[in-house]
Protein backbone atom coordinates (compact mmCIF):
# COMPACT_ATOMS: atom_id res chain seq x y z
CA MET A 1 -12.64 6.44 -44.64
CA PRO A 2 -13.66 2.98 -43.53
CA ASP A 3 -12.53 1.90 -40.09
CA ASP A 4 -9.48 -0.18 -39.90
CA PRO A 5 -10.54 -3.60 -38.53
CA GLY A 6 -7.46 -4.01 -36.55
CA ALA A 7 -7.71 -0.54 -35.19
CA PRO A 8 -8.94 -0.31 -31.53
CA ALA A 9 -12.47 1.09 -30.71
CA ALA A 10 -12.79 4.59 -29.42
CA ASP A 11 -13.65 3.30 -25.71
CA GLY A 12 -10.18 1.38 -25.97
CA VAL A 13 -11.78 -2.31 -26.33
CA SER A 14 -11.01 -4.30 -29.41
CA PRO A 15 -13.68 -5.49 -31.99
CA GLU A 16 -13.07 -9.05 -30.91
CA ASP A 17 -13.59 -8.37 -27.32
CA ASN A 18 -17.09 -6.52 -28.09
CA VAL A 19 -18.43 -9.84 -29.62
CA GLU A 20 -21.43 -10.91 -27.49
CA PRO A 21 -21.26 -14.63 -26.37
CA PRO A 22 -23.98 -16.95 -27.85
CA PRO A 23 -27.09 -17.20 -25.56
CA ALA A 24 -26.90 -20.07 -23.10
CA ASP A 25 -28.99 -23.22 -23.64
CA VAL A 26 -31.61 -22.51 -21.06
CA GLY A 27 -32.90 -26.13 -20.67
CA ALA A 28 -29.28 -27.64 -20.40
CA ASP A 29 -29.11 -28.21 -16.96
CA GLU A 30 -32.80 -29.33 -16.43
CA PRO A 31 -33.65 -32.99 -16.13
CA PRO A 32 -36.18 -34.10 -18.90
CA ALA A 33 -39.66 -34.28 -17.72
CA ASP A 34 -39.98 -38.08 -17.57
CA ALA A 35 -36.78 -38.36 -15.57
CA THR A 36 -36.86 -40.29 -12.03
CA PRO A 37 -36.32 -38.08 -9.15
CA PRO A 38 -33.15 -39.01 -7.32
CA LEU A 39 -33.85 -40.85 -4.04
CA PRO A 40 -33.59 -39.22 -0.78
CA PRO A 41 -30.26 -39.87 1.44
CA PRO A 42 -30.80 -42.70 3.95
CA PRO A 43 -31.20 -41.77 7.40
CA PRO A 44 -28.40 -42.03 9.81
CA PRO A 45 -28.06 -45.19 11.82
CA PRO A 46 -29.60 -44.98 15.45
CA ALA A 47 -27.53 -44.50 18.26
CA PRO A 48 -26.64 -47.49 20.47
CA PRO A 49 -28.72 -47.62 23.77
CA ALA A 50 -27.06 -46.72 26.82
CA THR A 51 -25.67 -49.40 29.11
CA PRO A 52 -28.44 -50.04 31.52
CA GLY A 53 -27.60 -49.72 35.19
CA PRO A 54 -29.11 -51.82 38.14
CA ALA A 55 -32.56 -50.20 38.14
CA GLU A 56 -32.91 -50.50 34.18
CA GLN A 57 -32.05 -54.13 34.71
CA GLY A 58 -35.22 -54.80 36.79
CA ILE A 59 -34.22 -54.40 40.39
CA PRO A 60 -35.35 -51.23 42.06
CA PRO A 61 -32.76 -49.61 44.13
CA ARG A 62 -34.82 -50.13 47.43
CA TYR A 63 -34.38 -53.72 47.07
CA ASN A 64 -30.44 -53.94 46.66
CA VAL A 65 -28.19 -54.68 49.59
CA GLY A 66 -25.80 -51.84 50.45
CA LEU A 67 -22.00 -51.94 50.60
CA PHE A 68 -21.90 -52.72 54.43
CA GLY A 69 -24.48 -55.75 54.12
CA ALA A 70 -22.81 -57.04 51.16
CA SER A 71 -19.37 -57.09 52.72
CA LEU A 72 -20.65 -58.77 55.93
CA PHE A 73 -22.39 -61.51 53.90
CA GLY A 74 -19.16 -62.02 51.79
CA LEU A 75 -17.19 -62.44 55.25
CA PHE A 76 -19.85 -64.90 56.24
CA VAL A 77 -19.57 -66.78 53.07
CA LEU A 78 -15.68 -66.82 53.32
CA ALA A 79 -15.72 -68.13 56.88
CA VAL A 80 -18.26 -70.91 56.18
CA GLY A 81 -15.97 -72.13 53.42
CA VAL A 82 -12.57 -72.17 55.54
CA THR A 83 -14.27 -73.80 58.21
CA LEU A 84 -15.62 -76.56 56.04
CA ILE A 85 -12.17 -76.98 54.64
CA TYR A 86 -10.68 -77.12 57.95
CA ILE A 87 -13.17 -79.96 58.99
CA LEU A 88 -12.34 -81.94 55.92
CA ILE A 89 -8.83 -81.89 56.56
CA LYS A 90 -9.14 -82.83 60.24
CA ILE A 91 -11.74 -85.87 59.11
CA TRP A 92 -9.78 -87.17 56.45
CA PRO A 93 -7.21 -89.34 58.35
CA LYS A 94 -10.51 -91.18 59.86
CA VAL A 95 -11.82 -92.15 56.39
CA PRO A 96 -11.16 -95.63 55.34
CA HIS A 97 -8.79 -95.73 51.93
CA GLY A 98 -9.55 -99.46 50.94
CA THR A 99 -6.98 -102.21 51.32
CA THR A 100 -3.62 -101.35 52.60
CA ALA A 101 -0.18 -102.99 52.41
CA GLU A 102 -0.91 -105.05 55.33
CA GLY A 103 -3.74 -106.79 53.74
CA THR A 104 -7.57 -107.04 54.40
CA ALA A 105 -7.30 -107.23 58.09
CA LYS A 106 -6.62 -103.69 58.72
CA THR A 107 -9.16 -102.58 56.17
CA THR A 108 -11.90 -104.63 58.14
CA ALA A 109 -10.76 -103.43 61.30
CA ALA A 110 -11.11 -99.82 60.15
CA ALA A 111 -14.75 -100.66 58.65
CA SER A 112 -15.90 -102.03 61.69
CA GLY A 113 -15.23 -98.66 63.52
CA ALA A 114 -11.77 -99.41 65.22
CA ALA A 115 -10.76 -95.80 65.99
CA ASP A 116 -6.85 -95.45 66.74
CA LYS A 117 -7.05 -91.53 66.60
CA GLN A 118 -9.46 -88.97 68.14
CA ILE A 119 -10.68 -85.91 66.05
CA ASP A 120 -9.89 -82.67 67.62
CA LEU A 121 -11.67 -79.52 66.23
CA PHE A 122 -10.92 -76.06 67.03
CA TRP A 123 -8.23 -76.54 69.52
CA GLY A 124 -9.78 -79.08 71.65
CA LEU A 125 -13.61 -77.47 71.49
CA PHE A 126 -14.89 -80.55 69.95
CA GLN A 127 -13.17 -84.01 70.49
CA PHE A 128 -14.68 -87.06 69.07
CA ASN A 129 -14.16 -90.42 67.31
CA LEU A 130 -15.69 -91.38 63.98
CA LEU A 131 -16.64 -95.02 62.82
CA ALA A 132 -15.55 -95.65 59.19
CA GLU A 133 -19.20 -95.75 57.90
CA THR A 134 -19.94 -92.61 59.80
CA ALA A 135 -16.71 -91.03 58.35
CA LEU A 136 -17.80 -91.55 54.88
CA ILE A 137 -21.21 -89.85 55.58
CA VAL A 138 -19.53 -87.04 57.21
CA LEU A 139 -16.98 -86.78 54.15
CA ALA A 140 -20.27 -86.61 51.95
CA ALA A 141 -21.86 -83.70 53.92
CA VAL A 142 -18.68 -81.75 54.28
CA MET A 143 -17.90 -82.05 50.52
CA GLY A 144 -21.55 -81.08 49.52
CA GLY A 145 -21.28 -78.23 51.85
CA ILE A 146 -17.81 -77.26 50.24
CA GLY A 147 -19.36 -77.51 46.64
CA ALA A 148 -22.35 -75.46 47.87
CA THR A 149 -20.23 -72.55 49.08
CA VAL A 150 -18.15 -72.49 45.99
CA PHE A 151 -21.41 -72.02 44.07
CA ILE A 152 -22.79 -69.21 46.53
CA ALA A 153 -19.36 -67.59 46.37
CA VAL A 154 -19.26 -67.63 42.57
CA SER A 155 -23.08 -66.28 42.22
CA PHE A 156 -22.54 -63.80 45.12
CA SER A 157 -19.62 -62.28 43.49
CA ASP A 158 -21.31 -61.96 39.98
CA TYR A 159 -24.21 -60.05 41.33
CA VAL A 160 -22.29 -57.86 43.77
CA GLY A 161 -19.76 -56.90 40.71
CA ASN A 162 -22.81 -55.95 38.56
CA ARG A 163 -24.55 -54.15 41.65
CA ARG A 164 -27.55 -56.21 41.20
CA PHE A 165 -27.34 -58.02 44.74
CA ALA A 166 -30.91 -57.92 46.20
CA ARG A 167 -32.10 -58.63 49.59
CA SER A 168 -34.25 -61.66 48.44
CA TRP A 169 -31.16 -63.47 47.26
CA VAL A 170 -29.78 -63.64 51.08
CA TRP A 171 -31.86 -66.37 51.96
CA PHE A 172 -31.65 -68.18 48.61
CA TYR A 173 -27.87 -68.27 49.57
CA ILE A 174 -28.28 -69.35 53.04
CA VAL A 175 -30.53 -72.14 52.20
CA ARG A 176 -28.18 -73.58 49.54
CA LEU A 177 -25.77 -74.10 52.62
CA PHE A 178 -28.33 -76.80 53.57
CA VAL A 179 -29.45 -78.11 50.18
CA GLY A 180 -25.86 -78.78 49.08
CA PRO A 181 -25.00 -81.25 51.89
CA ALA A 182 -28.43 -82.75 52.02
CA LEU A 183 -28.58 -83.22 48.32
CA ALA A 184 -24.82 -84.99 48.54
CA LEU A 185 -25.98 -87.37 51.02
CA ILE A 186 -29.20 -88.38 49.09
CA PHE A 187 -27.01 -89.20 46.23
CA TYR A 188 -24.37 -90.98 48.56
CA PHE A 189 -26.97 -93.24 50.04
CA ALA A 190 -28.58 -93.93 46.67
CA LEU A 191 -25.30 -95.02 45.40
CA ARG A 192 -24.42 -97.15 48.52
CA GLY A 193 -27.95 -98.77 48.30
CA GLY A 194 -28.47 -98.99 44.62
CA PHE A 195 -25.13 -99.17 42.83
CA LEU A 196 -22.80 -101.04 45.11
CA ALA A 197 -22.90 -104.63 46.43
CA SER A 198 -24.91 -105.12 49.80
CA SER A 199 -21.86 -106.86 51.27
CA SER A 200 -19.41 -103.83 50.68
CA ASN A 201 -18.24 -102.21 53.66
CA GLY A 202 -16.77 -98.78 54.42
CA GLY A 203 -13.20 -100.03 53.57
CA ASP A 204 -14.21 -101.09 50.01
CA ILE A 205 -15.50 -97.26 48.99
CA ASN A 206 -12.93 -95.09 47.25
CA PRO A 207 -13.27 -92.00 49.35
CA TYR A 208 -11.81 -89.96 46.41
CA GLY A 209 -14.86 -90.95 44.55
CA VAL A 210 -17.27 -90.12 47.43
CA ALA A 211 -15.57 -86.50 47.74
CA ALA A 212 -15.76 -85.86 44.10
CA MET A 213 -19.23 -86.98 43.73
CA ALA A 214 -20.48 -84.90 46.81
CA GLY A 215 -18.55 -81.76 46.01
CA LEU A 216 -20.00 -81.77 42.39
CA VAL A 217 -23.60 -82.29 43.87
CA GLY A 218 -23.39 -79.40 46.11
CA LEU A 219 -21.71 -77.20 43.39
CA PHE A 220 -24.47 -77.97 40.96
CA SER A 221 -27.12 -78.54 43.28
CA LYS A 222 -29.55 -76.21 41.61
CA GLN A 223 -28.88 -77.90 38.27
CA ALA A 224 -29.42 -81.49 40.02
CA GLY A 225 -32.52 -80.20 41.71
CA ASP A 226 -34.02 -78.84 38.57
CA LYS A 227 -33.30 -81.96 36.68
CA LEU A 228 -34.56 -84.33 39.31
CA ARG A 229 -37.73 -82.15 39.55
CA GLN A 230 -38.10 -82.53 35.67
CA VAL A 231 -37.77 -86.30 35.90
CA PHE A 232 -40.26 -86.66 38.87
CA ASP A 233 -42.86 -84.42 37.19
CA ALA A 234 -42.76 -86.49 34.13
CA LEU A 235 -42.82 -89.80 36.18
CA PHE A 236 -45.53 -88.67 38.57
CA GLN A 237 -47.69 -86.03 36.59
CA VAL A 238 -50.82 -85.14 38.21
CA ASP A 239 -54.09 -84.41 36.46
CA PRO A 240 -55.00 -80.70 35.52
CA GLY A 241 -56.66 -79.06 38.33
CA HIS A 242 -55.07 -81.06 40.88
CA GLY A 243 -51.71 -80.81 42.92
CA ASP A 244 -50.51 -77.16 43.01
CA ALA A 245 -53.26 -76.14 40.85
CA ALA A 246 -55.77 -77.12 43.52
CA ARG A 247 -54.07 -75.39 46.14
CA GLY A 248 -53.23 -72.29 44.35
CA ASP A 249 -50.51 -71.05 46.16
CA GLY A 250 -47.41 -71.56 43.69
CA VAL A 251 -44.20 -69.60 44.00
CA ALA A 252 -44.46 -68.30 40.52
CA ASN A 253 -45.07 -64.77 40.27
CA PRO A 254 -48.18 -63.59 38.23
CA ALA A 255 -48.19 -62.16 34.77
CA PRO A 256 -49.33 -58.37 35.14
CA THR A 257 -51.91 -56.56 32.88
CA ILE A 258 -52.46 -52.91 32.37
CA ALA A 259 -56.26 -51.38 32.55
CA GLY A 260 -55.50 -47.76 32.90
CA ILE A 261 -53.92 -44.78 34.69
CA GLU A 262 -55.42 -42.15 36.90
CA PRO A 263 -55.45 -39.11 36.76
CA PRO A 264 -54.86 -38.68 33.07
CA LEU A 265 -51.37 -37.33 31.95
CA THR A 266 -50.68 -33.74 31.31
CA THR A 267 -47.82 -31.63 30.70
CA SER A 268 -48.34 -30.02 34.19
CA PRO A 269 -45.81 -30.80 36.78
CA ASP A 270 -48.94 -31.83 38.98
CA THR A 271 -49.45 -35.23 37.29
CA LEU A 272 -46.05 -36.46 37.55
CA THR A 273 -47.20 -39.02 40.15
CA PHE A 274 -50.19 -41.03 38.90
CA ARG A 275 -51.76 -44.58 39.54
CA LEU A 276 -51.66 -47.47 37.24
CA GLN A 277 -54.38 -49.64 37.36
CA GLY A 278 -54.37 -53.39 36.48
CA THR A 279 -53.96 -56.97 37.59
CA GLY A 280 -51.01 -59.20 39.04
CA PHE A 281 -49.12 -56.43 40.45
CA ILE A 282 -46.47 -57.35 43.36
CA GLU A 283 -43.81 -55.75 45.53
CA ALA A 284 -41.15 -56.24 42.79
CA SER A 285 -43.18 -54.84 39.93
CA THR A 286 -41.19 -52.33 37.92
CA VAL A 287 -42.68 -49.77 35.66
CA SER A 288 -41.03 -48.24 32.71
CA VAL A 289 -41.88 -45.45 30.45
CA GLY A 290 -40.59 -43.70 27.14
CA ARG A 291 -41.28 -41.54 24.30
CA SER A 292 -40.97 -42.53 20.64
CA ALA A 293 -40.42 -40.46 17.31
CA ALA A 294 -42.54 -41.43 14.46
CA GLY A 295 -42.20 -44.85 13.14
CA GLU A 296 -39.65 -45.82 15.77
CA PRO A 297 -40.25 -48.20 18.85
CA PRO A 298 -40.10 -46.55 22.21
CA THR A 299 -36.99 -46.64 24.41
CA LEU A 300 -38.24 -47.39 27.91
CA LEU A 301 -36.56 -46.68 31.19
CA PRO A 302 -37.68 -47.61 34.79
CA ARG A 303 -39.38 -44.98 36.92
CA GLY A 304 -39.99 -44.89 40.59
CA THR A 305 -42.62 -47.62 41.59
CA SER A 306 -44.62 -48.00 44.81
CA PHE A 307 -46.60 -51.13 45.31
CA THR A 308 -50.06 -49.99 46.66
CA ARG A 309 -52.32 -53.35 46.08
CA GLU A 310 -52.28 -56.11 43.68
CA ASN A 311 -54.23 -54.07 41.03
CA GLU A 312 -52.64 -50.74 41.60
CA LEU A 313 -49.06 -49.30 41.54
CA GLU A 314 -48.07 -45.69 42.15
CA VAL A 315 -45.66 -44.38 39.57
CA THR A 316 -43.37 -41.19 39.78
CA LEU A 317 -42.49 -39.60 36.30
CA LEU A 318 -39.60 -37.32 35.36
CA THR A 319 -40.39 -33.66 34.27
CA GLU A 320 -38.96 -34.64 30.84
CA ASP A 321 -41.38 -37.43 30.42
CA VAL A 322 -44.34 -35.20 30.02
CA SER A 323 -42.56 -31.92 28.88
CA GLU A 324 -44.74 -31.70 25.75
CA ALA A 325 -48.09 -33.15 24.61
CA GLY A 326 -48.11 -36.58 22.63
CA GLN A 327 -48.04 -40.19 23.83
CA LEU A 328 -46.03 -41.87 26.63
CA TRP A 329 -45.52 -45.57 26.61
CA ILE A 330 -45.84 -47.58 29.76
CA SER A 331 -44.86 -51.06 30.58
CA VAL A 332 -45.05 -53.38 33.70
CA THR A 333 -42.56 -56.22 34.51
CA ASN A 334 -42.71 -58.74 36.98
CA PRO A 335 -39.45 -60.79 37.73
CA ALA A 336 -38.91 -64.51 37.51
CA PRO A 337 -40.15 -67.16 38.43
CA GLY A 338 -43.09 -66.80 36.35
CA GLY A 339 -43.76 -62.82 35.91
CA GLY A 340 -43.70 -61.36 32.54
CA THR A 341 -43.84 -57.95 31.01
CA ALA A 342 -47.35 -56.16 30.09
CA GLY A 343 -47.18 -53.54 27.47
CA PRO A 344 -45.69 -51.21 26.47
CA GLN A 345 -49.07 -49.54 26.12
CA ALA A 346 -49.55 -45.80 24.99
CA PHE A 347 -51.28 -43.09 26.92
CA ASP A 348 -52.06 -39.54 25.65
CA ILE A 349 -50.51 -36.61 27.23
CA THR A 350 -52.77 -33.53 27.11
């Protein structure tokens, strides 16, 4: 008797379930032979560099002023500023203020030097009288000093706040206390001698204008001095090989160069200290080193540097700098004025 198509099979599975699925298309998921392969994913963006500290910014720690020294210098600047303002308040009544309500007679008397009030400084420690013309000169000098003190205070606070106050800046600031008043006096005499009538006297001068001019000159004495130097360099240019070039004692730092290292670098801890040879090295020279991955520029960080002589520096590395064979990139930087950077130059680590 023929099997019933609707009857279940002996093993309990219906004939429909016994139907085998058609063979899968083996080449369906494979790309054509002439298809372009997919592009690799783009590399991740590089991590941002770490914020450099004082040493990374070019000032070795051994040249920085400590907290105690910076505090003493800050108190000194404040004392100078307060003293100059005190002197300004004391001498201001002696400065001629132009024609008064009583007419020109009082102005002429003031300009001729008639003193009706004595100047008393520091509780009677200094007592003196000032003529009108002398009072204007003192006013210009004091305001130039106040302007210079403001410049010093702003610059000093910036460098201390960034932990970059080096010892070499101390004398720069101290000399500015002289440069500000001196430059203010030069500008005052230039204005009195070249821009005002020769018949004018102290009573005809606006003391507020003198004070403002002197204060701004003292505040921007660096910019004023640099601009005047440019002007006079253009007016009185000397031939090549003369002047400072002939004397060979300019203040600009030399540009460094790298010639080689001794001994060669190895992965042994014995070579963590080596001598860098070249030219143009100075006390403030800094050496930076770094490794680099394939196709990427090296990331340089400063290392301990000791000045030996003008053609040799002693450099101390960290263990990770030579932990594996490869190349170590080295550069040398001399600070401004002049100066510059040599490298980076690669040296093999064996």
